[in-house]
Structures are given as structure tokens and as C-alpha cells.
Amino acid sequence: MRLIKILLIFFILFFPISCSNNIKNVYITHVYDGDSYFDSNKNKYRLFGIDTPELRDKNLNFTKGIKYFYAFQAKKKVEEFILNKKVKIQKIKIDKYNRQIVKIWINKIDISLLLIKSGLAIVSYIDLNKKSPFYTSDFKYYKTLLNLQYKAYNENVGIWKHKNSIKDIFTN
């Protein structure tokens, strides 16, 4: 009986931690571009499973033309939702640039899904292949991203109005 009580106390104390899936609240203070942000503690975050057009090139100069247009639109959309606000994040992993790869929600709105649905991002850096550095076991999330992208593509939303320019929009 004593063992059962100890196990029960252990379960009550530690189960919520193990079920949290690395979810915590952070305050976003800077939106670098459509998929990269900083919190009030200067932690760097990158959205999981998507890519938005680059606002700046490798030399930190602003990009030009259609690439800049959609990069700016993505940044503006994200700022509207999360800048100077408390958000929920779920850490997936750390990338080679020491950014936390995360899912971000505000008021139950998933920012990655919002950007895909708005035609301001593409599904990227996510893979079901276990050997891939972008592997995820979250098949449901992966499928949701792809379905929303397919819908945006078919409805010519955002970047998908320029299907012939997608490579130009997403090359560095």
C-alpha cells in the first residue's frame, strides 16, 4: 500500500511535466522576418515545418522585387499576431544556428499554419524520413501543413499567384 501511495505521489508530481511537450509562454519582442523571432530574454526562435521568403540576403542587404514583397508581407502578418505579445511555444529541437525550432500559438492560432494558409510560406524543413535532419513523427501536423499549402496553391493565394516565380522567391 505504501508503494502505491509513493507511485501515486510521483505520478501527480511529475506527470504534468512529462505531458507538457516543452510548451511554455514567452514574450516576443522582435520579429526578424516571417519565420524567425526573439523573445524578451533574447532567445532565438525559428518556426517549425515552414520557410518564408528571405527579407535580407547573405550580406544582410534587403532583397528585392517579388521576394522582398512577400518577405515583408510575411513579417508584417507575424508582427500583427505576435509582436509584443505573450505566446505559447513548443520546442521541437535546436538547429545548427542555435535557434530553437518551435511551434508558436497565440489564442489557439498556429503561426506556421496561418502563414501557409495565407500563401506567405511553403512547407519546408520537415520530413517523415527518419534519416532526415528534419524528421518529424508528427504525421498529422505534416499532413495539415501540406493540405493547407495545397489549398493555397489551388486558390492562388499569396506566393501561389506567382507559381512560375517560386524558385526566385525562395532562393538565396
N, C-alpha and C. Protein backbone atom coordinates (compact mmCIF):
# COMPACT_ATOMS: atom_id res chain seq x y z
N MET A 1 0.82 -1.20 0.00
CA MET A 1 0.00 0.00 0.00
C MET A 1 0.87 1.27 0.00
N ARG A 2 1.94 1.21 0.77
CA ARG A 2 2.85 2.35 0.84
C ARG A 2 3.47 2.61 -0.55
N LEU A 3 3.82 1.57 -1.26
CA LEU A 3 4.39 1.70 -2.60
C LEU A 3 3.40 2.36 -3.56
N ILE A 4 2.15 1.99 -3.45
CA ILE A 4 1.11 2.59 -4.30
C ILE A 4 1.00 4.09 -4.02
N LYS A 5 1.04 4.48 -2.75
CA LYS A 5 0.98 5.90 -2.40
C LYS A 5 2.18 6.66 -2.96
N ILE A 6 3.34 6.06 -2.85
CA ILE A 6 4.55 6.71 -3.37
C ILE A 6 4.45 6.86 -4.89
N LEU A 7 4.01 5.81 -5.56
CA LEU A 7 3.85 5.88 -7.01
C LEU A 7 2.82 6.92 -7.41
N LEU A 8 1.74 6.99 -6.66
CA LEU A 8 0.69 7.96 -6.92
C LEU A 8 1.21 9.39 -6.75
N ILE A 9 1.95 9.64 -5.70
CA ILE A 9 2.53 10.97 -5.48
C ILE A 9 3.51 11.30 -6.60
N PHE A 10 4.34 10.34 -6.96
CA PHE A 10 5.29 10.52 -8.06
C PHE A 10 4.56 10.89 -9.35
N PHE A 11 3.50 10.14 -9.65
CA PHE A 11 2.71 10.37 -10.86
C PHE A 11 2.10 11.77 -10.85
N ILE A 12 1.54 12.19 -9.75
CA ILE A 12 0.89 13.50 -9.64
C ILE A 12 1.92 14.62 -9.80
N LEU A 13 3.09 14.43 -9.20
CA LEU A 13 4.10 15.47 -9.25
C LEU A 13 4.77 15.60 -10.62
N PHE A 14 5.03 14.48 -11.28
CA PHE A 14 5.83 14.52 -12.49
C PHE A 14 5.07 14.33 -13.79
N PHE A 15 3.86 13.85 -13.74
CA PHE A 15 3.11 13.64 -14.98
C PHE A 15 2.86 14.93 -15.75
N PRO A 16 2.46 16.04 -15.09
CA PRO A 16 2.24 17.27 -15.86
C PRO A 16 3.49 17.74 -16.59
N ILE A 17 4.65 17.54 -16.00
CA ILE A 17 5.89 17.94 -16.65
C ILE A 17 6.14 17.10 -17.89
N SER A 18 5.95 15.81 -17.78
CA SER A 18 6.21 14.96 -18.93
C SER A 18 5.18 15.15 -20.04
N CYS A 19 4.01 15.63 -19.72
CA CYS A 19 2.97 15.85 -20.73
C CYS A 19 3.04 17.24 -21.36
N SER A 20 3.88 18.10 -20.83
CA SER A 20 3.90 19.47 -21.32
C SER A 20 4.46 19.59 -22.73
N ASN A 21 5.21 18.58 -23.19
CA ASN A 21 5.79 18.61 -24.53
C ASN A 21 6.59 19.88 -24.78
N ASN A 22 7.30 20.34 -23.76
CA ASN A 22 8.14 21.53 -23.88
C ASN A 22 7.33 22.79 -24.22
N ILE A 23 6.11 22.87 -23.79
CA ILE A 23 5.29 24.06 -24.05
C ILE A 23 5.49 25.06 -22.92
N LYS A 24 5.77 26.31 -23.34
CA LYS A 24 5.91 27.38 -22.35
C LYS A 24 5.44 28.69 -22.96
N ASN A 25 5.27 29.67 -22.12
CA ASN A 25 4.88 31.01 -22.56
C ASN A 25 6.13 31.88 -22.67
N VAL A 26 6.21 32.65 -23.75
CA VAL A 26 7.29 33.62 -23.93
C VAL A 26 6.70 34.91 -24.48
N TYR A 27 7.44 35.99 -24.30
CA TYR A 27 7.02 37.29 -24.79
C TYR A 27 7.89 37.66 -25.99
N ILE A 28 7.29 37.79 -27.17
CA ILE A 28 8.03 38.08 -28.39
C ILE A 28 8.29 39.59 -28.49
N THR A 29 9.57 39.95 -28.59
CA THR A 29 9.95 41.37 -28.64
C THR A 29 10.49 41.80 -30.00
N HIS A 30 10.84 40.84 -30.85
CA HIS A 30 11.39 41.21 -32.16
C HIS A 30 11.04 40.14 -33.19
N VAL A 31 10.54 40.58 -34.33
CA VAL A 31 10.28 39.70 -35.46
C VAL A 31 11.34 40.04 -36.50
N TYR A 32 12.29 39.11 -36.71
CA TYR A 32 13.37 39.35 -37.67
C TYR A 32 12.83 39.26 -39.10
N ASP A 33 12.09 38.18 -39.36
CA ASP A 33 11.42 38.00 -40.65
C ASP A 33 10.22 37.09 -40.42
N GLY A 34 9.67 36.54 -41.48
CA GLY A 34 8.44 35.77 -41.34
C GLY A 34 8.54 34.52 -40.49
N ASP A 35 9.75 33.96 -40.35
CA ASP A 35 9.85 32.70 -39.60
C ASP A 35 10.89 32.72 -38.47
N SER A 36 11.46 33.88 -38.16
CA SER A 36 12.48 33.97 -37.10
C SER A 36 12.18 35.12 -36.14
N TYR A 37 12.24 34.82 -34.84
CA TYR A 37 11.83 35.78 -33.81
C TYR A 37 12.73 35.72 -32.59
N PHE A 38 12.61 36.75 -31.74
CA PHE A 38 13.34 36.81 -30.47
C PHE A 38 12.35 37.10 -29.35
N ASP A 39 12.65 36.55 -28.16
CA ASP A 39 11.80 36.85 -27.01
C ASP A 39 12.49 37.86 -26.10
N SER A 40 11.84 38.19 -25.00
CA SER A 40 12.35 39.20 -24.08
C SER A 40 13.66 38.79 -23.41
N ASN A 41 14.00 37.51 -23.45
CA ASN A 41 15.29 37.05 -22.90
C ASN A 41 16.34 36.86 -23.99
N LYS A 42 16.07 37.38 -25.19
CA LYS A 42 16.97 37.30 -26.34
C LYS A 42 17.15 35.89 -26.89
N ASN A 43 16.23 34.98 -26.55
CA ASN A 43 16.24 33.64 -27.15
C ASN A 43 15.79 33.76 -28.60
N LYS A 44 16.42 32.95 -29.47
CA LYS A 44 16.10 32.97 -30.90
C LYS A 44 15.19 31.78 -31.22
N TYR A 45 14.15 32.05 -32.01
CA TYR A 45 13.20 31.02 -32.41
C TYR A 45 13.04 31.00 -33.93
N ARG A 46 12.82 29.80 -34.44
CA ARG A 46 12.51 29.62 -35.87
C ARG A 46 11.31 28.70 -35.97
N LEU A 47 10.35 29.06 -36.81
CA LEU A 47 9.15 28.24 -36.96
C LEU A 47 9.46 26.88 -37.55
N PHE A 48 8.80 25.89 -37.02
CA PHE A 48 8.94 24.50 -37.43
C PHE A 48 8.12 24.23 -38.68
N GLY A 49 8.73 23.56 -39.66
CA GLY A 49 7.99 23.00 -40.78
C GLY A 49 7.71 23.91 -41.94
N ILE A 50 8.17 25.16 -41.86
CA ILE A 50 7.88 26.09 -42.96
C ILE A 50 9.11 26.93 -43.30
N ASP A 51 9.01 27.64 -44.41
CA ASP A 51 10.00 28.62 -44.81
C ASP A 51 9.26 29.80 -45.41
N THR A 52 9.67 31.01 -45.05
CA THR A 52 9.12 32.21 -45.66
C THR A 52 10.22 32.84 -46.52
N PRO A 53 9.86 33.67 -47.47
CA PRO A 53 10.89 34.33 -48.29
C PRO A 53 11.84 35.15 -47.40
N GLU A 54 13.08 35.24 -47.83
CA GLU A 54 14.10 35.96 -47.06
C GLU A 54 13.95 37.47 -47.24
N LEU A 55 13.96 38.18 -46.13
CA LEU A 55 13.88 39.63 -46.14
C LEU A 55 15.24 40.25 -46.50
N ARG A 56 16.30 39.54 -46.07
CA ARG A 56 17.66 40.02 -46.33
C ARG A 56 18.48 38.92 -46.99
N ASP A 57 19.47 39.33 -47.77
CA ASP A 57 20.34 38.35 -48.41
C ASP A 57 21.50 37.98 -47.48
N LYS A 58 22.45 37.21 -47.98
CA LYS A 58 23.58 36.75 -47.15
C LYS A 58 24.45 37.90 -46.65
N ASN A 59 24.43 39.03 -47.36
CA ASN A 59 25.21 40.21 -46.96
C ASN A 59 24.39 41.17 -46.09
N LEU A 60 23.20 40.72 -45.68
CA LEU A 60 22.27 41.49 -44.84
C LEU A 60 21.66 42.69 -45.55
N ASN A 61 21.74 42.72 -46.87
CA ASN A 61 21.04 43.74 -47.65
C ASN A 61 19.60 43.26 -47.87
N PHE A 62 18.69 44.21 -47.95
CA PHE A 62 17.31 43.83 -48.24
C PHE A 62 17.22 43.18 -49.61
N THR A 63 16.40 42.14 -49.70
CA THR A 63 16.17 41.51 -51.00
C THR A 63 15.33 42.46 -51.85
N LYS A 64 15.08 42.07 -53.08
CA LYS A 64 14.38 42.99 -54.00
C LYS A 64 13.19 42.30 -54.66
N GLY A 65 12.36 43.13 -55.26
CA GLY A 65 11.26 42.64 -56.09
C GLY A 65 10.25 41.79 -55.36
N ILE A 66 9.81 40.75 -56.05
CA ILE A 66 8.74 39.89 -55.55
C ILE A 66 9.15 39.16 -54.26
N LYS A 67 10.43 38.81 -54.17
CA LYS A 67 10.94 38.15 -52.96
C LYS A 67 10.77 39.08 -51.75
N TYR A 68 11.21 40.34 -51.91
CA TYR A 68 11.08 41.30 -50.81
C TYR A 68 9.61 41.54 -50.47
N PHE A 69 8.79 41.67 -51.50
CA PHE A 69 7.36 41.92 -51.28
C PHE A 69 6.75 40.86 -50.37
N TYR A 70 6.96 39.58 -50.71
CA TYR A 70 6.36 38.52 -49.90
C TYR A 70 7.07 38.31 -48.57
N ALA A 71 8.37 38.58 -48.51
CA ALA A 71 9.08 38.51 -47.23
C ALA A 71 8.52 39.56 -46.28
N PHE A 72 8.30 40.77 -46.80
CA PHE A 72 7.76 41.85 -45.99
C PHE A 72 6.32 41.53 -45.55
N GLN A 73 5.52 40.97 -46.46
CA GLN A 73 4.14 40.60 -46.12
C GLN A 73 4.11 39.55 -44.99
N ALA A 74 5.02 38.57 -45.08
CA ALA A 74 5.08 37.53 -44.04
C ALA A 74 5.48 38.14 -42.70
N LYS A 75 6.49 39.00 -42.72
CA LYS A 75 6.92 39.65 -41.47
C LYS A 75 5.79 40.48 -40.88
N LYS A 76 5.13 41.24 -41.73
CA LYS A 76 4.03 42.10 -41.27
C LYS A 76 2.88 41.27 -40.66
N LYS A 77 2.56 40.16 -41.31
CA LYS A 77 1.49 39.28 -40.82
C LYS A 77 1.85 38.74 -39.43
N VAL A 78 3.09 38.30 -39.27
CA VAL A 78 3.54 37.75 -37.99
C VAL A 78 3.55 38.84 -36.92
N GLU A 79 4.06 40.02 -37.26
CA GLU A 79 4.08 41.12 -36.29
C GLU A 79 2.67 41.44 -35.79
N GLU A 80 1.73 41.43 -36.70
CA GLU A 80 0.33 41.71 -36.36
C GLU A 80 -0.17 40.73 -35.29
N PHE A 81 0.26 39.49 -35.36
CA PHE A 81 -0.23 38.48 -34.43
C PHE A 81 0.59 38.34 -33.15
N ILE A 82 1.93 38.42 -33.24
CA ILE A 82 2.71 38.05 -32.05
C ILE A 82 3.67 39.10 -31.49
N LEU A 83 3.95 40.17 -32.22
CA LEU A 83 4.92 41.14 -31.72
C LEU A 83 4.42 41.82 -30.45
N ASN A 84 5.28 41.86 -29.44
CA ASN A 84 4.97 42.45 -28.14
C ASN A 84 3.79 41.78 -27.46
N LYS A 85 3.72 40.46 -27.66
CA LYS A 85 2.65 39.67 -27.04
C LYS A 85 3.22 38.39 -26.45
N LYS A 86 2.49 37.86 -25.48
CA LYS A 86 2.85 36.57 -24.89
C LYS A 86 2.26 35.48 -25.77
N VAL A 87 3.10 34.51 -26.14
CA VAL A 87 2.69 33.40 -26.99
C VAL A 87 3.06 32.09 -26.33
N LYS A 88 2.46 31.02 -26.79
CA LYS A 88 2.85 29.68 -26.37
C LYS A 88 3.80 29.12 -27.41
N ILE A 89 4.87 28.50 -26.94
CA ILE A 89 5.79 27.84 -27.86
C ILE A 89 5.97 26.39 -27.43
N GLN A 90 6.18 25.56 -28.41
CA GLN A 90 6.55 24.16 -28.17
C GLN A 90 7.88 23.94 -28.87
N LYS A 91 8.90 23.69 -28.08
CA LYS A 91 10.24 23.47 -28.63
C LYS A 91 10.30 22.09 -29.26
N ILE A 92 10.78 22.05 -30.50
CA ILE A 92 10.96 20.80 -31.23
C ILE A 92 12.41 20.35 -31.12
N LYS A 93 13.33 21.27 -31.39
CA LYS A 93 14.77 20.97 -31.31
C LYS A 93 15.55 22.27 -31.45
N ILE A 94 16.89 22.17 -31.45
CA ILE A 94 17.79 23.30 -31.68
C ILE A 94 18.43 23.09 -33.06
N ASP A 95 18.50 24.15 -33.88
CA ASP A 95 19.11 23.99 -35.21
C ASP A 95 20.60 24.35 -35.18
N LYS A 96 21.24 24.25 -36.33
CA LYS A 96 22.68 24.49 -36.42
C LYS A 96 23.06 25.95 -36.16
N TYR A 97 22.10 26.86 -36.18
CA TYR A 97 22.34 28.27 -35.88
C TYR A 97 22.00 28.59 -34.42
N ASN A 98 21.79 27.57 -33.63
CA ASN A 98 21.45 27.67 -32.21
C ASN A 98 20.10 28.35 -31.97
N ARG A 99 19.20 28.23 -32.92
CA ARG A 99 17.83 28.72 -32.74
C ARG A 99 16.97 27.57 -32.26
N GLN A 100 15.99 27.88 -31.44
CA GLN A 100 15.02 26.88 -31.04
C GLN A 100 13.99 26.75 -32.16
N ILE A 101 13.85 25.55 -32.68
CA ILE A 101 12.83 25.28 -33.69
C ILE A 101 11.55 25.01 -32.93
N VAL A 102 10.51 25.78 -33.23
CA VAL A 102 9.31 25.76 -32.39
C VAL A 102 8.02 25.83 -33.21
N LYS A 103 6.96 25.40 -32.56
CA LYS A 103 5.60 25.73 -32.99
C LYS A 103 5.19 26.89 -32.09
N ILE A 104 4.50 27.87 -32.65
CA ILE A 104 4.06 29.04 -31.88
C ILE A 104 2.56 29.22 -32.06
N TRP A 105 1.88 29.47 -30.93
CA TRP A 105 0.45 29.75 -30.95
C TRP A 105 0.16 31.02 -30.18
N ILE A 106 -0.85 31.73 -30.65
CA ILE A 106 -1.43 32.81 -29.87
C ILE A 106 -2.94 32.69 -30.03
N ASN A 107 -3.63 32.68 -28.94
CA ASN A 107 -5.09 32.50 -28.95
C ASN A 107 -5.50 31.30 -29.81
N LYS A 108 -4.79 30.20 -29.66
CA LYS A 108 -5.05 28.94 -30.35
C LYS A 108 -4.80 28.99 -31.86
N ILE A 109 -4.17 30.07 -32.34
CA ILE A 109 -3.81 30.18 -33.76
C ILE A 109 -2.36 29.74 -33.91
N ASP A 110 -2.12 28.73 -34.72
CA ASP A 110 -0.78 28.24 -35.01
C ASP A 110 -0.19 29.14 -36.11
N ILE A 111 0.93 29.79 -35.81
CA ILE A 111 1.50 30.77 -36.73
C ILE A 111 2.01 30.12 -38.02
N SER A 112 2.59 28.93 -37.93
CA SER A 112 3.03 28.24 -39.16
C SER A 112 1.85 27.97 -40.07
N LEU A 113 0.77 27.46 -39.50
CA LEU A 113 -0.43 27.15 -40.30
C LEU A 113 -1.01 28.43 -40.89
N LEU A 114 -1.01 29.50 -40.12
CA LEU A 114 -1.51 30.79 -40.60
C LEU A 114 -0.73 31.27 -41.82
N LEU A 115 0.60 31.17 -41.76
CA LEU A 115 1.43 31.62 -42.88
C LEU A 115 1.25 30.76 -44.12
N ILE A 116 1.13 29.46 -43.92
CA ILE A 116 0.90 28.55 -45.06
C ILE A 116 -0.45 28.87 -45.70
N LYS A 117 -1.46 28.99 -44.87
CA LYS A 117 -2.83 29.27 -45.35
C LYS A 117 -2.90 30.61 -46.09
N SER A 118 -2.09 31.58 -45.65
CA SER A 118 -2.08 32.91 -46.26
C SER A 118 -1.23 32.98 -47.51
N GLY A 119 -0.59 31.87 -47.88
CA GLY A 119 0.28 31.86 -49.05
C GLY A 119 1.55 32.67 -48.86
N LEU A 120 2.02 32.76 -47.62
CA LEU A 120 3.23 33.52 -47.31
C LEU A 120 4.39 32.64 -46.90
N ALA A 121 4.20 31.33 -46.99
CA ALA A 121 5.25 30.37 -46.62
C ALA A 121 5.03 29.08 -47.41
N ILE A 122 6.08 28.29 -47.46
CA ILE A 122 5.99 26.96 -48.05
C ILE A 122 6.36 25.92 -47.00
N VAL A 123 5.87 24.72 -47.19
CA VAL A 123 6.23 23.61 -46.30
C VAL A 123 7.69 23.27 -46.58
N SER A 124 8.50 23.27 -45.55
CA SER A 124 9.93 23.02 -45.69
C SER A 124 10.53 22.66 -44.34
N TYR A 125 11.72 22.08 -44.37
CA TYR A 125 12.43 21.71 -43.14
C TYR A 125 11.60 20.78 -42.26
N ILE A 126 10.89 19.88 -42.89
CA ILE A 126 10.09 18.88 -42.19
C ILE A 126 10.05 17.65 -43.09
N ASP A 127 10.19 16.48 -42.50
CA ASP A 127 10.30 15.27 -43.30
C ASP A 127 9.83 14.08 -42.47
N LEU A 128 9.24 13.11 -43.13
CA LEU A 128 8.82 11.88 -42.45
C LEU A 128 9.90 10.80 -42.52
N ASN A 129 10.98 11.06 -43.24
CA ASN A 129 12.09 10.12 -43.34
C ASN A 129 12.92 10.18 -42.05
N LYS A 130 13.01 9.07 -41.35
CA LYS A 130 13.71 9.04 -40.06
C LYS A 130 15.19 9.40 -40.17
N LYS A 131 15.77 9.29 -41.34
CA LYS A 131 17.19 9.61 -41.53
C LYS A 131 17.42 11.10 -41.81
N SER A 132 16.37 11.83 -42.06
CA SER A 132 16.48 13.24 -42.37
C SER A 132 16.73 14.07 -41.10
N PRO A 133 17.54 15.14 -41.21
CA PRO A 133 17.72 16.03 -40.05
C PRO A 133 16.44 16.80 -39.71
N PHE A 134 15.47 16.76 -40.62
CA PHE A 134 14.20 17.46 -40.41
C PHE A 134 13.06 16.49 -40.09
N TYR A 135 13.43 15.31 -39.66
CA TYR A 135 12.44 14.26 -39.37
C TYR A 135 11.45 14.72 -38.29
N THR A 136 10.19 14.36 -38.52
CA THR A 136 9.16 14.52 -37.51
C THR A 136 8.33 13.25 -37.46
N SER A 137 7.90 12.90 -36.28
CA SER A 137 6.97 11.77 -36.14
C SER A 137 5.53 12.27 -36.12
N ASP A 138 5.38 13.59 -36.20
CA ASP A 138 4.04 14.20 -36.14
C ASP A 138 3.41 14.20 -37.54
N PHE A 139 2.95 13.03 -37.95
CA PHE A 139 2.36 12.86 -39.27
C PHE A 139 1.15 13.78 -39.46
N LYS A 140 0.34 13.92 -38.43
CA LYS A 140 -0.87 14.74 -38.53
C LYS A 140 -0.52 16.21 -38.83
N TYR A 141 0.49 16.74 -38.15
CA TYR A 141 0.89 18.13 -38.39
C TYR A 141 1.47 18.29 -39.80
N TYR A 142 2.31 17.35 -40.19
CA TYR A 142 2.90 17.35 -41.52
C TYR A 142 1.81 17.35 -42.59
N LYS A 143 0.84 16.50 -42.43
CA LYS A 143 -0.27 16.38 -43.39
C LYS A 143 -1.10 17.68 -43.41
N THR A 144 -1.31 18.28 -42.24
CA THR A 144 -2.07 19.54 -42.17
C THR A 144 -1.35 20.64 -42.93
N LEU A 145 -0.03 20.74 -42.73
CA LEU A 145 0.76 21.73 -43.47
C LEU A 145 0.61 21.53 -44.97
N LEU A 146 0.77 20.29 -45.42
CA LEU A 146 0.68 20.00 -46.86
C LEU A 146 -0.71 20.30 -47.41
N ASN A 147 -1.74 19.94 -46.66
CA ASN A 147 -3.11 20.18 -47.12
C ASN A 147 -3.40 21.68 -47.25
N LEU A 148 -2.93 22.46 -46.27
CA LEU A 148 -3.15 23.91 -46.34
C LEU A 148 -2.36 24.53 -47.49
N GLN A 149 -1.15 24.04 -47.72
CA GLN A 149 -0.36 24.54 -48.84
C GLN A 149 -1.04 24.21 -50.17
N TYR A 150 -1.55 23.00 -50.29
CA TYR A 150 -2.25 22.57 -51.50
C TYR A 150 -3.46 23.47 -51.76
N LYS A 151 -4.17 23.79 -50.69
CA LYS A 151 -5.35 24.66 -50.82
C LYS A 151 -4.94 26.07 -51.27
N ALA A 152 -3.90 26.63 -50.64
CA ALA A 152 -3.41 27.96 -51.02
C ALA A 152 -2.93 27.96 -52.48
N TYR A 153 -2.25 26.90 -52.87
CA TYR A 153 -1.75 26.74 -54.24
C TYR A 153 -2.93 26.74 -55.23
N ASN A 154 -3.93 25.94 -54.96
CA ASN A 154 -5.09 25.83 -55.86
C ASN A 154 -5.92 27.11 -55.92
N GLU A 155 -5.90 27.88 -54.83
CA GLU A 155 -6.68 29.11 -54.79
C GLU A 155 -5.84 30.34 -55.17
N ASN A 156 -4.58 30.11 -55.57
CA ASN A 156 -3.69 31.19 -55.98
C ASN A 156 -3.55 32.28 -54.91
N VAL A 157 -3.34 31.84 -53.68
CA VAL A 157 -3.20 32.77 -52.56
C VAL A 157 -1.73 33.15 -52.38
N GLY A 158 -1.45 34.42 -52.17
CA GLY A 158 -0.10 34.89 -51.87
C GLY A 158 0.91 34.51 -52.93
N ILE A 159 1.99 33.87 -52.49
CA ILE A 159 3.07 33.49 -53.42
C ILE A 159 2.58 32.60 -54.55
N TRP A 160 1.49 31.90 -54.33
CA TRP A 160 0.99 30.97 -55.33
C TRP A 160 0.32 31.67 -56.51
N LYS A 161 0.18 33.00 -56.44
CA LYS A 161 -0.24 33.78 -57.60
C LYS A 161 0.89 33.81 -58.63
N HIS A 162 2.10 33.48 -58.15
CA HIS A 162 3.31 33.57 -58.98
C HIS A 162 4.00 32.21 -59.04
N LYS A 163 3.25 31.19 -59.41
CA LYS A 163 3.77 29.81 -59.41
C LYS A 163 5.07 29.68 -60.21
N ASN A 164 5.20 30.42 -61.29
CA ASN A 164 6.41 30.33 -62.12
C ASN A 164 7.61 31.02 -61.48
N SER A 165 7.39 31.77 -60.41
CA SER A 165 8.48 32.51 -59.75
C SER A 165 8.85 31.95 -58.39
N ILE A 166 8.30 30.82 -58.01
CA ILE A 166 8.55 30.27 -56.68
C ILE A 166 10.05 30.07 -56.43
N LYS A 167 10.78 29.56 -57.40
CA LYS A 167 12.23 29.37 -57.21
C LYS A 167 12.92 30.70 -56.95
N ASP A 168 12.51 31.73 -57.65
CA ASP A 168 13.12 33.06 -57.43
C ASP A 168 12.78 33.61 -56.06
N ILE A 169 11.57 33.35 -55.59
CA ILE A 169 11.14 33.84 -54.29
C ILE A 169 11.90 33.15 -53.15
N PHE A 170 12.27 31.88 -53.34
CA PHE A 170 12.88 31.12 -52.25
C PHE A 170 14.35 30.77 -52.44
N THR A 171 15.05 31.39 -53.40
CA THR A 171 16.49 31.16 -53.50
C THR A 171 17.22 32.28 -52.78
N ASN A 172 18.39 31.94 -52.24
CA ASN A 172 19.16 32.96 -51.50
C ASN A 172 20.11 33.68 -52.38
